[in-house]
């Protein structure tokens, strides 16, 4: 297993204009001393994708890094057909961008909850969208990695059910180790269920937020507030999950996704990578 840094880990610094896409790659290059071997790019961070893609690809290679995964924020939970079709078009664009960047894994979502609709209501929309997306991805030699994210596919059973229903080798799982807490599921048990399906892992730790913490706080279904933590300082048993992944034969990327309130550039990312290295040895 190799360590990558998701650009989402530094979103706070980007929003504060301390970092842009090129600056993130420079930052990641410096983190090689802490074990980083790759980066995860997201469609969210392009300023001018067409103009930036070639430069970014060269910069990653020149830095001695690999592009671990390209990630998009699609949403197939769409009652309106036109909106659903736009999401499929966006996913296909994501596949094409990943192909041009020469990365073989594209992180995808199922969709976001909509008022008045349940998971069962939108299950067919999600499956149809990901099935069409997986077919298109397969023609480009790319694997879609479905993340446990939100309410529509937050639990391991939901992710597995969608993957089973799609039935394509081009759709597998992105195990986000922290997100399970937000749907009141034990992350270790969830990882056990999904490890054989893993194409990507988001290495994330969460801890319970203090009453005085209001930023970077995510409420679980039962109302318990969580916030991101440096790897090893939260409630996720990452050592157990890494062992489960290894036993399942997973040898892919552990892409760090730090979501806490500490400065990501000086604390969140470097300390998490240092801790992750110890878990891998």
Protein backbone atom coordinates (compact mmCIF):
# COMPACT_ATOMS: atom_id res chain seq x y z
CA UNK A 1 0.00 0.00 0.00
CA UNK A 2 1.21 3.49 -0.87
CA UNK A 3 0.39 6.90 0.60
CA UNK A 4 -1.21 9.67 -1.42
CA UNK A 5 -2.51 13.11 -0.45
CA UNK A 6 -5.97 14.16 -1.53
CA UNK A 7 -6.09 17.83 -2.45
CA UNK A 8 -9.26 17.98 -0.35
CA UNK A 9 -6.95 17.74 2.67
CA UNK A 10 -5.80 21.31 1.96
CA UNK A 11 -9.14 22.81 0.90
CA UNK A 12 -9.01 25.26 3.82
CA UNK A 13 -5.65 26.62 2.61
CA UNK A 14 -7.01 26.88 -0.94
CA UNK A 15 -10.05 28.83 0.22
CA UNK A 16 -7.75 31.14 2.16
CA UNK A 17 -5.76 31.66 -1.08
CA UNK A 18 -2.60 30.27 0.47
CA UNK A 19 -2.44 27.53 -2.14
CA UNK A 20 -3.55 26.77 -5.68
CA UNK A 21 -3.32 23.57 -7.74
CA UNK A 22 0.32 24.09 -8.68
CA UNK A 23 1.15 25.04 -5.10
CA UNK A 24 -0.51 21.87 -3.84
CA UNK A 25 1.73 19.73 -6.02
CA UNK A 26 4.78 21.61 -4.72
CA UNK A 27 3.53 21.00 -1.18
CA UNK A 28 2.96 17.30 -1.90
CA UNK A 29 6.46 17.00 -3.35
CA UNK A 30 7.89 18.22 -0.06
CA UNK A 31 5.82 15.62 1.77
CA UNK A 32 7.75 12.80 0.13
CA UNK A 33 10.00 12.95 3.17
CA UNK A 34 6.91 11.93 5.17
CA UNK A 35 6.09 9.04 2.89
CA UNK A 36 3.82 10.60 0.25
CA UNK A 37 4.16 8.92 -3.13
CA UNK A 38 1.14 10.29 -4.95
CA UNK A 39 -1.59 12.89 -5.15
CA UNK A 40 -5.34 12.82 -5.60
CA UNK A 41 -6.78 15.56 -7.78
CA UNK A 42 -10.42 16.67 -7.74
CA UNK A 43 -12.52 18.34 -10.42
CA UNK A 44 -13.44 20.94 -7.77
CA UNK A 45 -10.02 22.60 -7.93
CA UNK A 46 -9.57 23.35 -11.63
CA UNK A 47 -9.47 27.02 -12.58
CA UNK A 48 -9.15 26.35 -16.32
CA UNK A 49 -9.00 22.59 -16.81
CA UNK A 50 -8.08 22.62 -20.49
CA UNK A 51 -5.21 25.02 -19.90
CA UNK A 52 -3.97 23.37 -16.69
CA UNK A 53 -4.07 19.66 -17.44
CA UNK A 54 -0.83 19.32 -19.38
CA UNK A 55 1.13 21.48 -16.96
CA UNK A 56 -0.22 19.67 -13.91
CA UNK A 57 0.56 16.25 -15.40
CA UNK A 58 4.15 17.32 -16.11
CA UNK A 59 4.55 18.92 -12.70
CA UNK A 60 3.46 15.75 -10.92
CA UNK A 61 5.89 13.64 -12.94
CA UNK A 62 8.76 16.11 -12.51
CA UNK A 63 8.19 16.07 -8.74
CA UNK A 64 8.66 12.30 -8.68
CA UNK A 65 5.03 11.74 -7.68
CA UNK A 66 2.27 9.61 -9.18
CA UNK A 67 -1.32 10.62 -9.83
CA UNK A 68 -3.13 8.13 -7.62
CA UNK A 69 -6.72 8.98 -8.51
CA UNK A 70 -8.90 11.63 -10.09
CA UNK A 71 -12.11 12.44 -8.21
CA UNK A 72 -15.42 13.95 -9.23
CA UNK A 73 -18.51 14.97 -7.26
CA UNK A 74 -21.33 13.46 -9.32
CA UNK A 75 -24.91 13.04 -8.04
CA UNK A 76 -27.27 10.49 -9.62
CA UNK A 77 -30.00 10.97 -7.03
CA UNK A 78 -31.99 13.10 -9.46
CA UNK A 79 -35.81 12.99 -9.72
CA UNK A 80 -35.62 15.09 -12.92
CA UNK A 81 -34.39 13.14 -15.95
CA UNK A 82 -32.59 16.09 -17.51
CA UNK A 83 -30.57 16.62 -14.34
CA UNK A 84 -29.73 12.90 -14.23
CA UNK A 85 -28.54 12.98 -17.84
CA UNK A 86 -26.31 15.97 -17.09
CA UNK A 87 -24.72 14.04 -14.23
CA UNK A 88 -24.00 11.13 -16.56
CA UNK A 89 -22.45 13.50 -19.07
CA UNK A 90 -20.30 14.97 -16.29
CA UNK A 91 -19.17 11.49 -15.21
CA UNK A 92 -18.20 10.65 -18.78
CA UNK A 93 -16.18 13.87 -18.89
CA UNK A 94 -14.48 12.75 -15.67
CA UNK A 95 -13.56 9.47 -17.33
CA UNK A 96 -12.09 11.32 -20.30
CA UNK A 97 -10.10 13.66 -18.06
CA UNK A 98 -8.75 10.72 -16.04
CA UNK A 99 -7.75 9.02 -19.28
CA UNK A 100 -5.90 12.12 -20.49
CA UNK A 101 -4.16 12.37 -17.14
CA UNK A 102 -3.25 8.67 -17.49
CA UNK A 103 -4.75 7.70 -14.14
CA UNK A 104 -6.76 4.48 -14.04
CA UNK A 105 -9.06 5.18 -11.07
CA UNK A 106 -11.92 7.68 -10.92
CA UNK A 107 -13.57 8.30 -7.54
CA UNK A 108 -17.35 8.72 -7.82
CA UNK A 109 -20.35 9.28 -5.56
CA UNK A 110 -23.87 7.87 -5.61
CA UNK A 111 -25.81 11.03 -4.86
CA UNK A 112 -27.16 13.39 -2.24
CA UNK A 113 -30.35 12.98 -0.24
CA UNK A 114 -33.31 15.01 -1.51
CA UNK A 115 -36.25 16.09 0.71
CA UNK A 116 -39.13 13.67 0.48
CA UNK A 117 -37.10 10.85 -1.11
CA UNK A 118 -35.56 7.74 0.47
CA UNK A 119 -32.62 5.59 -0.60
CA UNK A 120 -35.10 3.09 -2.04
CA UNK A 121 -36.75 5.84 -4.12
CA UNK A 122 -33.49 6.73 -5.82
CA UNK A 123 -31.78 3.34 -5.90
CA UNK A 124 -32.60 2.76 -9.58
CA UNK A 125 -31.37 6.24 -10.56
CA UNK A 126 -28.04 5.55 -8.84
CA UNK A 127 -27.64 2.06 -10.30
CA UNK A 128 -28.59 3.14 -13.83
CA UNK A 129 -26.19 6.08 -13.71
CA UNK A 130 -23.26 4.10 -12.35
CA UNK A 131 -23.95 1.22 -14.74
CA UNK A 132 -23.80 3.55 -17.73
CA UNK A 133 -20.74 5.24 -16.25
CA UNK A 134 -19.00 1.93 -15.59
CA UNK A 135 -19.62 0.80 -19.17
CA UNK A 136 -18.07 4.02 -20.48
CA UNK A 137 -15.17 3.78 -18.01
CA UNK A 138 -14.44 0.21 -19.05
CA UNK A 139 -14.01 1.28 -22.69
CA UNK A 140 -11.29 3.68 -21.46
CA UNK A 141 -9.58 1.16 -19.17
CA UNK A 142 -10.67 3.02 -16.05
CA UNK A 143 -12.20 1.74 -12.81
CA UNK A 144 -14.82 3.75 -10.93
CA UNK A 145 -14.40 3.75 -7.14
CA UNK A 146 -17.70 4.38 -5.34
CA UNK A 147 -17.21 6.19 -2.03
CA UNK A 148 -19.28 5.64 1.10
CA UNK A 149 -20.47 9.22 1.33
CA UNK A 150 -23.65 10.87 2.60
CA UNK A 151 -26.96 9.13 3.22
CA UNK A 152 -27.54 7.48 -0.14
CA UNK A 153 -24.49 5.22 0.03
CA UNK A 154 -22.96 5.96 3.41
CA UNK A 155 -23.11 2.46 4.83
CA UNK A 156 -21.07 -0.48 3.61
CA UNK A 157 -24.23 -2.48 2.87
CA UNK A 158 -25.49 0.30 0.58
CA UNK A 159 -22.19 0.49 -1.31
CA UNK A 160 -22.07 -3.29 -1.72
CA UNK A 161 -25.72 -3.42 -2.85
CA UNK A 162 -25.09 -0.79 -5.54
CA UNK A 163 -21.92 -2.48 -6.77
CA UNK A 164 -23.66 -5.86 -6.87
CA UNK A 165 -26.64 -4.39 -8.75
CA UNK A 166 -24.40 -2.74 -11.34
CA UNK A 167 -22.43 -5.96 -11.76
CA UNK A 168 -19.49 -4.46 -13.64
CA UNK A 169 -15.77 -5.08 -13.00
CA UNK A 170 -15.32 -1.35 -13.68
CA UNK A 171 -17.22 -0.38 -10.51
CA UNK A 172 -15.57 -1.05 -7.18
CA UNK A 173 -15.39 0.66 -3.77
CA UNK A 174 -13.57 3.63 -2.31
CA UNK A 175 -13.43 2.88 1.40
CA UNK A 176 -13.53 6.20 3.27
CA UNK A 177 -12.48 5.11 6.75
CA UNK A 178 -13.98 8.10 8.56
CA UNK A 179 -17.31 8.57 6.82
CA UNK A 180 -18.83 5.43 8.33
CA UNK A 181 -18.96 7.16 11.71
CA UNK A 182 -21.33 9.75 10.26
CA UNK A 183 -23.91 7.05 9.51
CA UNK A 184 -23.34 5.36 12.90
CA UNK A 185 -21.47 2.38 11.50
CA UNK A 186 -18.34 0.84 12.99
CA UNK A 187 -15.56 1.63 10.47
CA UNK A 188 -13.68 -1.60 11.14
CA UNK A 189 -16.75 -3.75 10.49
CA UNK A 190 -17.58 -1.71 7.38
CA UNK A 191 -14.05 -2.10 6.03
CA UNK A 192 -14.27 -5.85 6.60
CA UNK A 193 -17.33 -5.99 4.34
CA UNK A 194 -15.90 -3.82 1.57
CA UNK A 195 -12.20 -4.77 1.57
CA UNK A 196 -12.59 -7.39 -1.19
CA UNK A 197 -14.17 -4.71 -3.40
CA UNK A 198 -11.66 -1.93 -2.74
CA UNK A 199 -10.12 0.02 -5.61
CA UNK A 200 -9.17 2.99 -3.42
CA UNK A 201 -9.01 3.92 0.26
CA UNK A 202 -9.46 7.36 1.78
CA UNK A 203 -7.35 7.37 4.91
CA UNK A 204 -9.35 9.54 7.31
CA UNK A 205 -9.64 9.82 11.08
CA UNK A 206 -12.45 11.51 13.01
CA UNK A 207 -12.91 12.40 16.65
CA UNK A 208 -15.87 13.78 18.57
CA UNK A 209 -15.97 17.56 18.35
CA UNK A 210 -15.87 19.67 21.49
CA UNK A 211 -18.76 22.04 22.25
CA UNK A 212 -16.54 25.04 21.45
CA UNK A 213 -15.65 23.69 17.98
CA UNK A 214 -17.92 24.99 15.24
CA UNK A 215 -15.74 24.80 12.12
CA UNK A 216 -14.99 21.52 10.30
CA UNK A 217 -17.76 19.77 12.23
CA UNK A 218 -19.93 17.04 10.72
CA UNK A 219 -23.01 15.71 12.50
CA UNK A 220 -23.70 11.98 12.48
CA UNK A 221 -27.22 10.64 11.98
CA UNK A 222 -27.70 10.45 15.75
CA UNK A 223 -26.62 14.07 16.16
CA UNK A 224 -23.12 13.41 17.52
CA UNK A 225 -20.70 16.01 16.12
CA UNK A 226 -17.40 14.81 14.64
CA UNK A 227 -14.38 16.67 13.33
CA UNK A 228 -11.33 15.54 11.42
CA UNK A 229 -8.31 14.35 13.37
CA UNK A 230 -4.67 13.69 12.63
CA UNK A 231 -4.28 10.02 11.71
CA UNK A 232 -4.17 7.96 14.90
CA UNK A 233 -5.66 10.68 17.10
CA UNK A 234 -9.31 9.92 16.41
CA UNK A 235 -11.81 7.11 16.92
CA UNK A 236 -11.10 5.10 13.75
CA UNK A 237 -9.02 1.96 14.32
CA UNK A 238 -6.85 2.51 11.26
CA UNK A 239 -4.32 -0.14 12.27
CA UNK A 240 -7.08 -2.76 12.24
CA UNK A 241 -8.44 -1.50 8.92
CA UNK A 242 -5.02 -1.58 7.26
CA UNK A 243 -4.58 -5.16 8.48
CA UNK A 244 -8.00 -6.09 7.04
CA UNK A 245 -7.08 -4.52 3.71
CA UNK A 246 -3.78 -6.39 3.60
CA UNK A 247 -5.48 -9.69 4.40
CA UNK A 248 -7.90 -9.03 1.53
CA UNK A 249 -4.97 -8.55 -0.84
CA UNK A 250 -5.36 -4.79 -1.24
CA UNK A 251 -2.11 -3.21 -2.43
CA UNK A 252 -3.39 0.12 -3.75
CA UNK A 253 -3.42 3.70 -2.58
CA UNK A 254 -4.20 5.04 0.87
CA UNK A 255 -5.14 8.59 -0.04
CA UNK A 256 -5.00 10.87 2.98
CA UNK A 257 -8.10 13.01 3.39
CA UNK A 258 -7.56 15.28 6.39
CA UNK A 259 -10.68 17.21 7.40
CA UNK A 260 -9.79 18.73 10.77
CA UNK A 261 -9.39 22.26 12.05
CA UNK A 262 -5.60 22.21 12.47
CA UNK A 263 -3.58 23.90 9.75
CA UNK A 264 -3.32 21.23 7.03
CA UNK A 265 0.03 22.46 5.72
CA UNK A 266 1.95 22.41 8.98
CA UNK A 267 0.03 19.94 11.16
CA UNK A 268 -2.83 18.02 9.55
CA UNK A 269 -1.12 16.54 6.51
CA UNK A 270 2.51 16.10 7.64
CA UNK A 271 1.62 14.63 11.03
CA UNK A 272 -0.99 12.34 9.49
CA UNK A 273 1.51 11.04 6.94
CA UNK A 274 4.11 10.43 9.63
CA UNK A 275 1.57 8.47 11.67
CA UNK A 276 0.38 6.55 8.62
CA UNK A 277 3.94 5.51 7.78
CA UNK A 278 4.24 3.92 11.20
CA UNK A 279 1.00 2.00 10.64
CA UNK A 280 2.37 0.60 7.38
CA UNK A 281 5.61 -0.70 8.92
